[in-house]
Protein backbone atom coordinates (compact mmCIF):
# COMPACT_ATOMS: atom_id res chain seq x y z
CA MET A 1 -0.15 0.03 -0.11
CA GLN A 2 1.18 3.40 -0.84
CA ILE A 3 -0.06 6.54 0.78
CA GLY A 4 0.62 10.27 -0.18
CA ILE A 5 0.72 13.00 2.33
CA TYR A 6 -0.01 16.49 0.81
CA ASN A 7 2.26 18.92 2.81
CA SER A 8 1.06 22.43 2.77
CA ASP A 9 3.17 25.22 4.45
CA VAL A 10 1.23 25.11 7.68
CA SER A 11 1.02 21.68 7.97
CA ASN A 12 5.27 20.45 7.63
CA THR A 13 5.30 19.35 11.72
CA SER A 14 1.62 17.35 11.28
CA ALA A 15 2.99 15.76 7.98
CA LYS A 16 5.89 14.52 9.42
CA THR A 17 4.04 13.07 12.58
CA ILE A 18 1.48 11.32 9.85
CA LYS A 19 4.50 9.66 8.21
CA LYS A 20 6.13 8.65 11.25
CA ASN A 21 2.67 6.75 12.26
CA LEU A 22 2.65 5.25 8.82
CA ASP A 23 6.13 3.81 8.94
CA ASP A 24 5.49 2.20 12.50
CA ARG A 25 2.86 0.08 10.81
CA GLY A 26 5.01 -0.74 7.79
CA ILE A 27 2.80 1.67 5.62
CA GLN A 28 4.63 3.07 2.33
CA SER A 29 4.13 6.74 2.17
CA ILE A 30 5.59 9.97 0.79
CA ILE A 31 5.30 13.61 2.02
CA PHE A 32 4.33 15.62 -1.41
CA SER A 33 3.21 19.25 -2.38
CA GLN A 34 2.21 21.06 -5.49
CA LYS A 35 6.02 21.01 -6.42
CA LEU A 36 6.09 17.11 -6.78
CA LYS A 37 3.45 15.35 -8.50
CA LEU A 38 2.28 12.19 -6.93
CA LYS A 39 2.51 9.56 -9.60
CA ALA A 40 0.25 6.53 -7.74
CA ALA A 41 -1.20 6.21 -4.54
CA ASP A 42 -4.01 4.24 -2.63
CA CYS A 43 -5.28 7.28 -1.02
CA VAL A 44 -3.61 10.75 -0.13
CA ILE A 45 -3.94 12.41 3.56
CA VAL A 46 -4.69 16.07 3.36
CA LEU A 47 -4.01 17.91 6.30
CA GLY A 48 -5.73 21.57 7.15
CA GLY A 49 -9.45 20.35 7.81
CA ASP A 50 -12.15 21.47 5.26
CA ARG A 51 -9.59 24.22 3.96
CA GLY A 52 -6.87 21.83 3.30
CA VAL A 53 -9.16 19.65 1.28
CA ARG A 54 -10.24 22.58 -1.10
CA ASN A 55 -6.64 23.74 -1.29
CA TYR A 56 -5.30 20.23 -2.47
CA PHE A 57 -7.94 19.68 -5.01
CA HIS A 58 -7.42 23.28 -6.75
CA ALA A 59 -3.90 22.16 -6.82
CA TYR A 60 -4.50 18.86 -8.39
CA SER A 61 -8.05 19.20 -9.86
CA ASP A 62 -7.95 16.27 -11.86
CA SER A 63 -6.88 13.89 -9.32
CA THR A 64 -9.06 10.66 -8.89
CA ILE A 65 -7.31 9.49 -6.02
CA PRO A 66 -9.41 9.38 -2.76
CA VAL A 67 -8.56 11.70 0.20
CA LEU A 68 -8.69 11.41 3.76
CA GLY A 69 -9.14 15.06 5.35
CA ILE A 70 -7.24 15.41 8.65
CA ILE A 71 -8.55 17.94 11.21
CA GLU A 72 -5.50 19.81 13.05
CA ALA A 73 -7.32 22.68 14.55
CA GLU A 74 -10.61 22.62 16.88
CA ASP A 75 -12.87 22.63 13.93
CA SER A 76 -15.27 20.56 12.44
CA GLY A 77 -16.38 20.09 8.81
CA PHE A 78 -18.04 18.30 6.13
CA LEU A 79 -14.77 17.12 4.07
CA ALA A 80 -12.21 16.19 6.98
CA GLN A 81 -13.58 13.91 9.40
CA ILE A 82 -10.57 12.56 11.50
CA GLU A 83 -8.86 14.69 13.82
CA LEU A 84 -5.26 14.30 13.85
CA LYS A 85 -5.03 13.19 17.70
CA GLU A 86 -7.06 10.37 16.76
CA PHE A 87 -5.38 9.08 13.87
CA PRO A 88 -3.72 6.32 15.03
CA THR A 89 -6.42 4.69 16.40
CA TYR A 90 -7.52 4.57 12.65
CA LEU A 91 -4.23 3.08 10.96
CA LYS A 92 -5.25 -0.46 10.89
CA ARG A 93 -8.35 0.26 9.41
CA LEU A 94 -6.71 2.22 6.58
CA LYS A 95 -4.12 -0.13 5.99
CA LYS A 96 -6.84 -3.03 5.14
CA GLN A 97 -8.49 -0.32 3.31
CA ASP A 98 -11.55 -0.77 5.77
CA TYR A 99 -13.36 2.63 4.64
CA THR A 100 -15.92 4.03 2.31
CA ILE A 101 -15.69 6.46 -0.59
CA GLU A 102 -18.36 9.19 -1.09
CA ASP A 103 -18.44 11.02 -4.26
CA VAL A 104 -18.84 14.97 -3.54
CA PRO A 105 -20.06 16.88 -6.23
CA ARG A 106 -18.30 19.71 -7.60
CA LEU A 107 -19.23 22.48 -10.25
CA GLY A 108 -17.29 23.11 -13.28
CA ILE A 109 -16.58 26.68 -14.04
CA LYS A 110 -15.77 27.80 -17.56
CA ILE A 111 -14.88 31.69 -17.68
CA ASP A 112 -15.00 33.20 -21.26
CA GLY A 113 -14.64 30.23 -23.03
CA ARG A 114 -11.41 29.10 -21.04
CA GLY A 115 -10.63 25.72 -19.42
CA VAL A 116 -12.85 24.36 -16.64
CA TYR A 117 -12.09 24.48 -13.00
CA PRO A 118 -13.55 22.27 -10.80
CA VAL A 119 -14.97 23.39 -7.26
CA LEU A 120 -16.26 22.08 -4.32
CA ASN A 121 -17.72 25.04 -2.29
CA ASP A 122 -19.06 27.82 -4.53
CA ALA A 123 -18.28 30.17 -7.60
CA ALA A 124 -18.92 33.74 -6.66
CA VAL A 125 -19.14 36.63 -9.36
CA PHE A 126 -18.21 40.10 -8.03
CA PRO A 127 -17.19 43.57 -9.00
CA SER A 128 -13.36 43.91 -8.30
CA LYS A 129 -14.21 46.26 -5.62
CA SER A 130 -16.71 46.23 -3.00
CA ALA A 131 -19.81 48.27 -2.73
CA MET A 132 -20.25 48.29 -6.27
CA LEU A 133 -23.16 46.95 -8.43
CA MET A 134 -22.83 44.62 -11.05
CA GLU A 135 -25.69 43.72 -13.87
CA HIS A 136 -25.74 40.34 -15.12
CA THR A 137 -28.24 38.26 -16.94
CA LEU A 138 -29.07 34.68 -15.68
CA ARG A 139 -29.63 31.64 -17.61
CA VAL A 140 -30.50 28.08 -16.90
CA ASN A 141 -30.47 25.09 -19.61
CA GLY A 142 -30.48 28.26 -22.03
CA GLU A 143 -33.42 29.92 -20.59
CA GLU A 144 -33.28 33.59 -19.32
CA VAL A 145 -34.30 33.69 -15.51
CA TRP A 146 -33.35 36.96 -14.71
CA HIS A 147 -31.57 40.34 -15.71
CA ASP A 148 -30.27 41.56 -12.32
CA SER A 149 -28.40 44.55 -10.55
CA SER A 150 -26.83 43.31 -7.19
CA ASP A 151 -23.63 43.43 -5.40
CA GLY A 152 -23.05 39.74 -7.18
CA ILE A 153 -23.81 36.31 -7.70
CA ILE A 154 -22.98 32.89 -6.01
CA ILE A 155 -23.25 29.38 -7.42
CA ALA A 156 -23.11 27.35 -4.50
CA THR A 157 -23.07 23.08 -4.14
CA PRO A 158 -24.59 21.15 -1.31
CA ILE A 159 -21.18 21.42 0.66
CA GLY A 160 -20.89 25.19 -0.37
CA SER A 161 -24.27 25.86 0.41
CA SER A 162 -23.50 26.22 4.48
CA ALA A 163 -20.68 28.86 3.47
CA TYR A 164 -20.59 31.83 1.98
CA SER A 165 -23.84 31.47 0.19
CA MET A 166 -25.82 30.73 3.36
CA SER A 167 -24.38 34.04 4.64
CA ALA A 168 -25.68 35.73 1.51
CA GLY A 169 -29.21 34.56 2.82
CA GLY A 170 -29.01 31.16 0.73
CA PRO A 171 -30.80 27.56 1.56
CA VAL A 172 -28.82 25.38 3.59
CA ILE A 173 -28.74 22.00 1.45
CA PHE A 174 -28.32 18.55 2.25
CA GLN A 175 -25.25 16.92 1.00
CA GLU A 176 -27.26 14.34 -0.85
CA SER A 177 -29.34 16.61 -2.66
CA ALA A 178 -28.43 16.68 -6.47
CA VAL A 179 -29.00 20.13 -6.74
CA PHE A 180 -26.81 23.50 -6.99
CA GLY A 181 -28.04 26.97 -5.29
CA ILE A 182 -28.15 30.07 -7.16
CA ILE A 183 -27.95 33.64 -5.06
CA SER A 184 -28.29 37.11 -6.30
CA VAL A 185 -26.56 38.87 -3.31
CA ASN A 186 -28.27 42.37 -2.12
CA SER A 187 -30.34 42.56 -5.51
CA LEU A 188 -32.16 45.93 -6.12
CA ASP A 189 -35.31 43.67 -6.68
CA VAL A 190 -36.33 43.20 -3.49
CA THR A 191 -38.55 40.27 -4.89
CA ARG A 192 -35.45 38.29 -5.86
CA ARG A 193 -35.38 34.94 -4.03
CA PRO A 194 -32.55 32.33 -4.32
CA LEU A 195 -33.22 29.43 -6.74
CA ILE A 196 -32.64 25.85 -6.74
CA VAL A 197 -31.55 23.80 -9.79
CA SER A 198 -30.80 20.45 -10.48
CA ASN A 199 -26.86 19.69 -10.63
CA ASP A 200 -27.70 18.33 -14.40
CA SER A 201 -28.35 22.02 -15.00
CA SER A 202 -26.34 24.21 -17.34
CA ILE A 203 -26.15 27.66 -15.25
CA GLU A 204 -25.16 30.61 -17.50
CA ILE A 205 -24.16 34.22 -15.82
CA ASP A 206 -23.87 36.48 -18.86
CA GLU A 207 -23.76 40.15 -19.77
CA ILE A 208 -21.43 40.93 -17.22
CA SER A 209 -20.84 44.53 -16.30
CA SER A 210 -19.72 47.03 -13.85
CA ARG A 211 -18.00 50.40 -13.30
CA LEU A 212 -14.84 48.37 -12.51
CA HIS A 213 -13.59 44.69 -13.97
CA CYS A 214 -15.30 41.59 -12.42
CA GLU A 215 -13.85 38.57 -11.01
CA VAL A 216 -14.96 35.11 -10.31
CA VAL A 217 -13.69 33.75 -6.89
CA LEU A 218 -13.51 29.89 -6.99
CA ASP A 219 -14.03 28.56 -3.10
CA GLY A 220 -12.57 31.81 -1.90
CA ILE A 221 -9.10 30.42 -3.09
CA ASP A 222 -8.50 31.40 -6.68
CA ARG A 223 -9.45 34.92 -8.68
CA TYR A 224 -10.04 35.22 -12.30
CA LYS A 225 -10.85 38.04 -14.24
CA VAL A 226 -13.96 37.92 -16.27
CA LYS A 227 -15.19 39.97 -19.22
CA LYS A 228 -18.65 38.71 -20.37
CA ILE A 229 -19.57 34.98 -19.34
CA VAL A 230 -19.26 32.50 -16.87
CA LEU A 231 -20.60 29.08 -17.32
CA CYS A 232 -21.38 26.82 -14.60
CA THR A 233 -21.94 22.91 -14.86
CA LYS A 234 -21.47 19.36 -12.86
CA SER A 235 -17.93 18.65 -12.81
CA SER A 236 -16.52 14.97 -11.91
CA PRO A 237 -16.89 14.36 -8.24
CA ALA A 238 -14.17 14.55 -5.46
CA SER A 239 -13.54 11.23 -3.70
CA ILE A 240 -13.70 11.31 0.04
CA ILE A 241 -12.95 8.84 2.28
CA ARG A 242 -15.22 8.30 5.14
CA MET A 243 -14.21 6.27 8.02
CA LYS A 244 -17.16 7.04 10.64
CA LYS A 245 -20.50 6.22 10.29
CA ASP A 246 -21.85 8.78 12.91
CA THR A 247 -23.49 12.10 11.54
CA THR A 248 -20.43 13.87 11.73
CA ALA A 249 -21.75 16.02 8.40
CA ILE A 250 -25.11 16.50 9.97
CA SER A 251 -23.93 17.52 13.36
CA ALA A 252 -21.81 19.83 11.54
CA LEU A 253 -24.89 21.48 9.56
CA ALA A 254 -26.88 21.57 12.76
CA LYS A 255 -23.94 23.96 14.03
CA LYS A 256 -23.99 25.98 10.89
CA VAL A 257 -27.86 26.01 11.09
CA HIS A 258 -27.69 27.74 14.65
CA LEU A 259 -24.98 30.13 13.47
CA ALA A 260 -26.99 31.30 10.76
CA GLU A 261 -29.71 32.55 13.25
CA ASP A 262 -27.08 34.79 14.93
CA LEU A 263 -25.64 35.82 11.40
CA LEU A 264 -29.58 37.38 10.65
CA ASN A 265 -28.77 39.77 13.55
CA MET A 266 -24.59 40.06 13.01
CA PRO A 267 -23.45 43.46 11.75
CA PRO A 268 -21.97 43.13 8.19
CA SER A 269 -18.56 43.89 8.97
CA SER A 270 -18.30 40.79 12.00
CA LYS A 271 -20.00 38.69 8.71
CA LEU A 272 -17.35 39.52 6.53
CA LEU A 273 -14.59 38.80 9.30
CA LEU A 274 -16.14 35.56 9.75
CA LYS A 275 -16.27 34.49 6.28
CA THR A 276 -12.69 35.73 5.68
CA LEU A 277 -11.44 33.97 8.46
CA GLU A 278 -13.01 30.82 7.39
CA TYR A 279 -11.53 30.81 3.72
CA GLU A 280 -8.41 32.12 4.79
CA GLY A 281 -7.57 30.72 8.03
CA GLU A 282 -5.70 32.59 11.13
CA LEU A 283 -5.11 36.04 10.22
CA THR A 284 -3.81 39.17 12.25
CA GLN A 285 -5.77 42.22 12.48
CA LYS A 286 -3.66 44.18 10.03
CA GLU A 287 -4.17 41.24 7.55
CA LEU A 288 -8.15 41.17 7.91
CA ALA A 289 -8.08 45.03 7.02
CA ARG A 290 -5.89 44.46 4.08
CA LYS A 291 -7.90 41.73 2.68
CA THR A 292 -11.46 43.08 3.59
CA LEU A 293 -10.74 46.38 2.80
CA LEU A 294 -12.25 47.71 5.88
CA PRO A 295 -11.24 50.43 8.33
CA ASP A 296 -8.71 49.60 10.86
CA ARG A 297 -11.27 50.82 13.59
CA THR A 298 -14.40 48.85 11.83
CA VAL A 299 -11.98 45.66 11.96
CA ARG A 300 -11.27 46.21 15.86
CA MET A 301 -15.03 46.66 16.50
CA ALA A 302 -16.11 43.57 14.46
CA LEU A 303 -13.25 41.62 16.20
CA SER A 304 -14.49 42.55 19.49
CA HIS A 305 -17.91 41.40 18.64
CA LEU A 306 -16.91 37.94 17.42
CA LEU A 307 -14.74 37.35 20.46
CA GLU A 308 -17.69 38.26 22.83
CA LYS A 309 -20.02 35.99 21.26
CA GLY A 310 -17.09 33.25 21.03
CA TYR A 311 -16.97 32.69 17.29
CA VAL A 312 -13.26 33.75 17.21
CA LYS A 313 -10.43 32.97 19.32
CA ARG A 314 -7.38 35.23 19.73
CA LYS A 315 -4.00 34.13 20.44
CA VAL A 316 -0.38 35.33 20.61
CA SER A 317 1.96 35.37 17.57
CA LEU A 318 5.09 32.63 18.04
CA ARG A 319 6.72 35.14 15.44
CA ASP A 320 5.90 38.38 17.16
CA ALA A 321 4.79 38.37 20.68
CA ARG A 322 3.09 42.01 20.00
CA GLN A 323 0.66 40.36 17.34
CA LYS A 324 -2.65 38.94 18.07
CA ILE A 325 -3.56 36.03 15.81
CA TYR A 326 -7.50 35.48 15.44
CA LYS A 327 -8.92 32.16 14.29
CA ILE A 328 -12.49 30.71 14.28
CA SER A 329 -13.30 29.11 17.42
CA LYS A 330 -14.95 25.67 17.51
CA LEU A 331 -18.77 26.07 17.36
CA ASP A 332 -20.50 24.27 20.01
């Protein structure tokens, strides 16, 4: 048996720990990164929780090797299931390949006719600068559904429905549902509502225009400039290893629903910081201000609100004791 261990910059120590556990059980493994292509393996272990799994599939979008996501921090997710501290207890089953493989649906995004980019969570089309309207036409299976002016539009998979889409007022979709969600964000048309379409649908966002250029943001990771049209279709699924039979995903969904109730009354700046930390991971206050383009005072007040509510934790930077680092807390 051959196992690959995907090594990101933040997971180097954890990757070595995983490899030692595998070596002790006589399981062959190799640590690799984007610079090193993995030729063949029975499975790939990816550290960093859901974010790490998304990053892996963006680096290796065409990979058909099943992935086991490992949770390192105090968090829970849909893609990663096993915590780092409990990994050794699953080694025997991993060696016997005693697990199930779930095919997680992905969106295939084609921008201005270029190649298809598979995404796990969502594709968002927005002006390159916030607080600016974007016009667009939405077509589903060739039929025009609306011509709208809004802050932007989000197309979400069932897994992505509980992330950015939910913050924008979209529905939470159970994972087994063969559908995608479409949300026009802060539309000028007060009657505009989110849509649910079959995942076999062809979704076309056309006639995109704004005062500045617009961008397509894929899973909150990759950004591409778009001139005119974005086409969304069903892509090949991502193969995720499941080793637990409990309702981890349902529990995570329930926590997201409770969070949604608080999000309704949360200031917009707090929502933006929360989603930025969800996608980007641990950040300093200065980094949050830079990524969100919010004033320092607004970031400071929003962080205070999130700390008080218990949605964010603060710790001292190991590199600079004067710096504080903020991260999302485990939602109980």
